[in-house]
Amino acid sequence: MQANIQTDAIDAKILTALGEDGRRSYADVGAEVGLSTAAVHERVKKMLERGVIRRFSISVDPHTVGLNFTAFVAIRNDGGAHCRDIAPRLRELPSVQELHSVAGEYDLLAKVRTPHARDLEAVLLQIKAIPGVARTTSTVVLNTEFEDQPLRLPGA
């Protein structure tokens, strides 16, 4: 688990601005938060070094690339395997977009995207073939109201 790294109010404002649009120029962000372009650049560089910012990425609409079906798959291990042993195998499956270790009846929760509902069956067979996986339960998404919401940090 990563240490809790506090950010000050200016860093929170920079993170919020870039979270809403990562392509914004440092000059534009600086004008919004009251800093020079160079100061924003330096703060972003330091947040990258400290691991506050993990990476810069894009957000793709899954439907436009043919991933029209989403399901959440709850996975229970067999007691002989640990989630840390199963997770790397799940990371190898392109359809598994997210994986969370959870408390409760199940041990892991995976977000799976496929082109069609029938493709989920193939993914489930792959998941069940992983040593240590005892059982899965799937919840099909009917509609996504929102996702990829930018962080809104206190003080921003």
Protein backbone atom coordinates (compact mmCIF):
# COMPACT_ATOMS: atom_id res chain seq x y z
CA MET A 1 0.00 0.00 0.00
CA GLN A 2 1.29 3.43 -0.91
CA ALA A 3 1.87 6.11 1.69
CA ASN A 4 -0.67 8.90 1.97
CA ILE A 5 0.93 11.88 0.27
CA GLN A 6 -0.66 15.18 1.14
CA THR A 7 -0.95 17.92 -1.43
CA ASP A 8 -1.32 21.59 -0.74
CA ALA A 9 -4.21 23.68 -2.06
CA ILE A 10 -2.31 24.84 -5.16
CA ASP A 11 -1.32 21.26 -6.08
CA ALA A 12 -4.94 20.21 -5.55
CA LYS A 13 -6.07 22.94 -7.96
CA ILE A 14 -3.47 21.84 -10.53
CA LEU A 15 -4.53 18.19 -10.19
CA THR A 16 -8.19 19.09 -10.55
CA ALA A 17 -7.53 21.22 -13.64
CA LEU A 18 -5.41 18.53 -15.32
CA GLY A 19 -7.85 15.80 -14.26
CA GLU A 20 -10.61 17.55 -16.18
CA ASP A 21 -8.41 17.97 -19.26
CA GLY A 22 -4.90 16.53 -19.23
CA ARG A 23 -4.06 18.31 -22.48
CA ARG A 24 -4.36 21.77 -20.96
CA SER A 25 -1.20 23.80 -21.26
CA TYR A 26 0.74 24.67 -18.13
CA ALA A 27 0.22 28.34 -19.07
CA ASP A 28 -3.55 27.83 -19.05
CA VAL A 29 -3.44 25.94 -15.75
CA GLY A 30 -1.15 28.60 -14.29
CA ALA A 31 -3.55 31.37 -15.25
CA GLU A 32 -6.35 29.48 -13.49
CA VAL A 33 -4.42 28.76 -10.28
CA GLY A 34 -2.38 31.97 -10.10
CA LEU A 35 1.09 30.61 -10.96
CA SER A 36 3.56 31.06 -13.77
CA THR A 37 3.95 28.40 -16.46
CA ALA A 38 7.35 27.45 -15.02
CA ALA A 39 5.93 27.10 -11.50
CA VAL A 40 3.15 24.79 -12.72
CA HIS A 41 5.70 22.73 -14.67
CA GLU A 42 7.90 22.39 -11.58
CA ARG A 43 4.99 21.38 -9.35
CA VAL A 44 3.79 18.79 -11.87
CA LYS A 45 7.33 17.42 -12.14
CA LYS A 46 7.54 17.07 -8.36
CA MET A 47 4.12 15.40 -8.17
CA LEU A 48 5.29 12.89 -10.80
CA GLU A 49 8.46 12.20 -8.78
CA ARG A 50 6.45 11.68 -5.56
CA GLY A 51 3.98 9.39 -7.30
CA VAL A 52 1.00 11.71 -6.82
CA ILE A 53 0.56 11.71 -10.60
CA ARG A 54 0.98 8.15 -11.85
CA ARG A 55 0.74 8.84 -15.57
CA PHE A 56 -0.87 10.92 -18.25
CA SER A 57 -3.37 9.02 -20.36
CA ILE A 58 -6.37 9.32 -22.63
CA SER A 59 -9.92 8.21 -22.02
CA VAL A 60 -11.40 6.22 -24.92
CA ASP A 61 -15.14 5.71 -25.37
CA PRO A 62 -15.32 1.90 -25.34
CA HIS A 63 -18.34 1.79 -27.66
CA THR A 64 -16.47 3.62 -30.43
CA VAL A 65 -13.83 0.84 -30.46
CA GLY A 66 -16.34 -2.00 -30.39
CA LEU A 67 -16.39 -2.78 -26.67
CA ASN A 68 -20.14 -2.59 -26.27
CA PHE A 69 -20.63 -4.99 -23.35
CA THR A 70 -19.53 -4.42 -19.76
CA ALA A 71 -19.79 -6.75 -16.79
CA PHE A 72 -18.41 -6.86 -13.28
CA VAL A 73 -17.11 -10.27 -12.34
CA ALA A 74 -16.80 -11.17 -8.67
CA ILE A 75 -14.10 -13.80 -8.15
CA ARG A 76 -13.64 -16.07 -5.15
CA ASN A 77 -10.32 -17.80 -4.63
CA ASP A 78 -10.16 -21.40 -3.47
CA GLY A 79 -8.45 -20.64 -0.18
CA GLY A 80 -5.18 -22.15 -1.37
CA ALA A 81 -4.25 -19.19 -3.53
CA HIS A 82 -3.82 -15.58 -2.56
CA CYS A 83 -5.26 -12.69 -4.56
CA ARG A 84 -1.68 -11.57 -5.25
CA ASP A 85 -1.15 -14.87 -7.07
CA ILE A 86 -4.28 -14.57 -9.18
CA ALA A 87 -4.05 -10.86 -10.04
CA PRO A 88 -1.07 -11.11 -12.45
CA ARG A 89 -2.91 -13.75 -14.47
CA LEU A 90 -6.00 -11.55 -14.69
CA ARG A 91 -3.84 -8.62 -15.81
CA GLU A 92 -2.85 -10.70 -18.85
CA LEU A 93 -6.47 -10.88 -20.07
CA PRO A 94 -7.13 -7.88 -22.35
CA SER A 95 -10.84 -7.85 -21.52
CA VAL A 96 -10.15 -7.28 -17.81
CA GLN A 97 -9.87 -3.51 -17.49
CA GLU A 98 -9.86 -3.12 -13.72
CA LEU A 99 -9.24 -5.39 -10.77
CA HIS A 100 -9.96 -4.67 -7.13
CA SER A 101 -9.28 -6.76 -4.04
CA VAL A 102 -12.48 -6.59 -1.98
CA ALA A 103 -13.84 -7.61 1.40
CA GLY A 104 -16.96 -9.71 1.64
CA GLU A 105 -18.19 -12.89 0.02
CA TYR A 106 -15.75 -12.53 -2.89
CA ASP A 107 -12.05 -11.75 -2.99
CA LEU A 108 -11.65 -9.85 -6.26
CA LEU A 109 -13.87 -7.69 -8.44
CA ALA A 110 -12.99 -7.32 -12.13
CA LYS A 111 -14.42 -4.91 -14.68
CA VAL A 112 -14.64 -6.73 -18.00
CA ARG A 113 -15.38 -5.25 -21.43
CA THR A 114 -16.11 -7.31 -24.51
CA PRO A 115 -17.62 -6.67 -27.95
CA HIS A 116 -20.72 -8.79 -27.26
CA ALA A 117 -22.42 -10.57 -24.38
CA ARG A 118 -21.42 -13.96 -25.80
CA ASP A 119 -17.75 -12.99 -25.52
CA LEU A 120 -18.10 -12.77 -21.75
CA GLU A 121 -18.46 -16.56 -21.63
CA ALA A 122 -15.01 -17.01 -23.15
CA VAL A 123 -13.51 -14.56 -20.66
CA LEU A 124 -15.20 -16.37 -17.77
CA LEU A 125 -13.73 -19.68 -18.95
CA GLN A 126 -10.28 -18.06 -19.01
CA ILE A 127 -10.77 -16.67 -15.50
CA LYS A 128 -12.02 -20.00 -14.14
CA ALA A 129 -8.98 -21.75 -15.65
CA ILE A 130 -6.61 -19.67 -13.50
CA PRO A 131 -5.21 -21.79 -10.67
CA GLY A 132 -6.75 -20.68 -7.39
CA VAL A 133 -10.03 -19.37 -8.81
CA ALA A 134 -12.91 -21.27 -7.23
CA ARG A 135 -15.98 -19.38 -8.45
CA THR A 136 -17.20 -16.33 -10.33
CA THR A 137 -20.43 -14.36 -10.32
CA SER A 138 -21.16 -11.83 -13.04
CA THR A 139 -23.23 -8.67 -13.00
CA VAL A 140 -24.07 -7.29 -16.42
CA VAL A 141 -24.10 -3.53 -16.91
CA LEU A 142 -27.28 -2.29 -18.59
CA ASN A 143 -26.23 1.36 -18.84
CA THR A 144 -23.29 3.39 -17.62
CA GLU A 145 -24.41 6.70 -16.17
CA PHE A 146 -20.84 7.96 -15.75
CA GLU A 147 -17.28 6.72 -15.28
CA ASP A 148 -13.78 8.15 -15.38
CA GLN A 149 -14.95 11.09 -13.31
CA PRO A 150 -12.00 13.37 -12.51
CA LEU A 151 -10.95 13.68 -8.89
CA ARG A 152 -12.24 16.77 -7.18
CA LEU A 153 -9.80 17.34 -4.38
CA PRO A 154 -10.61 19.37 -1.27
CA GLY A 155 -9.13 22.83 -1.52
CA ALA A 156 -9.27 22.85 -5.31
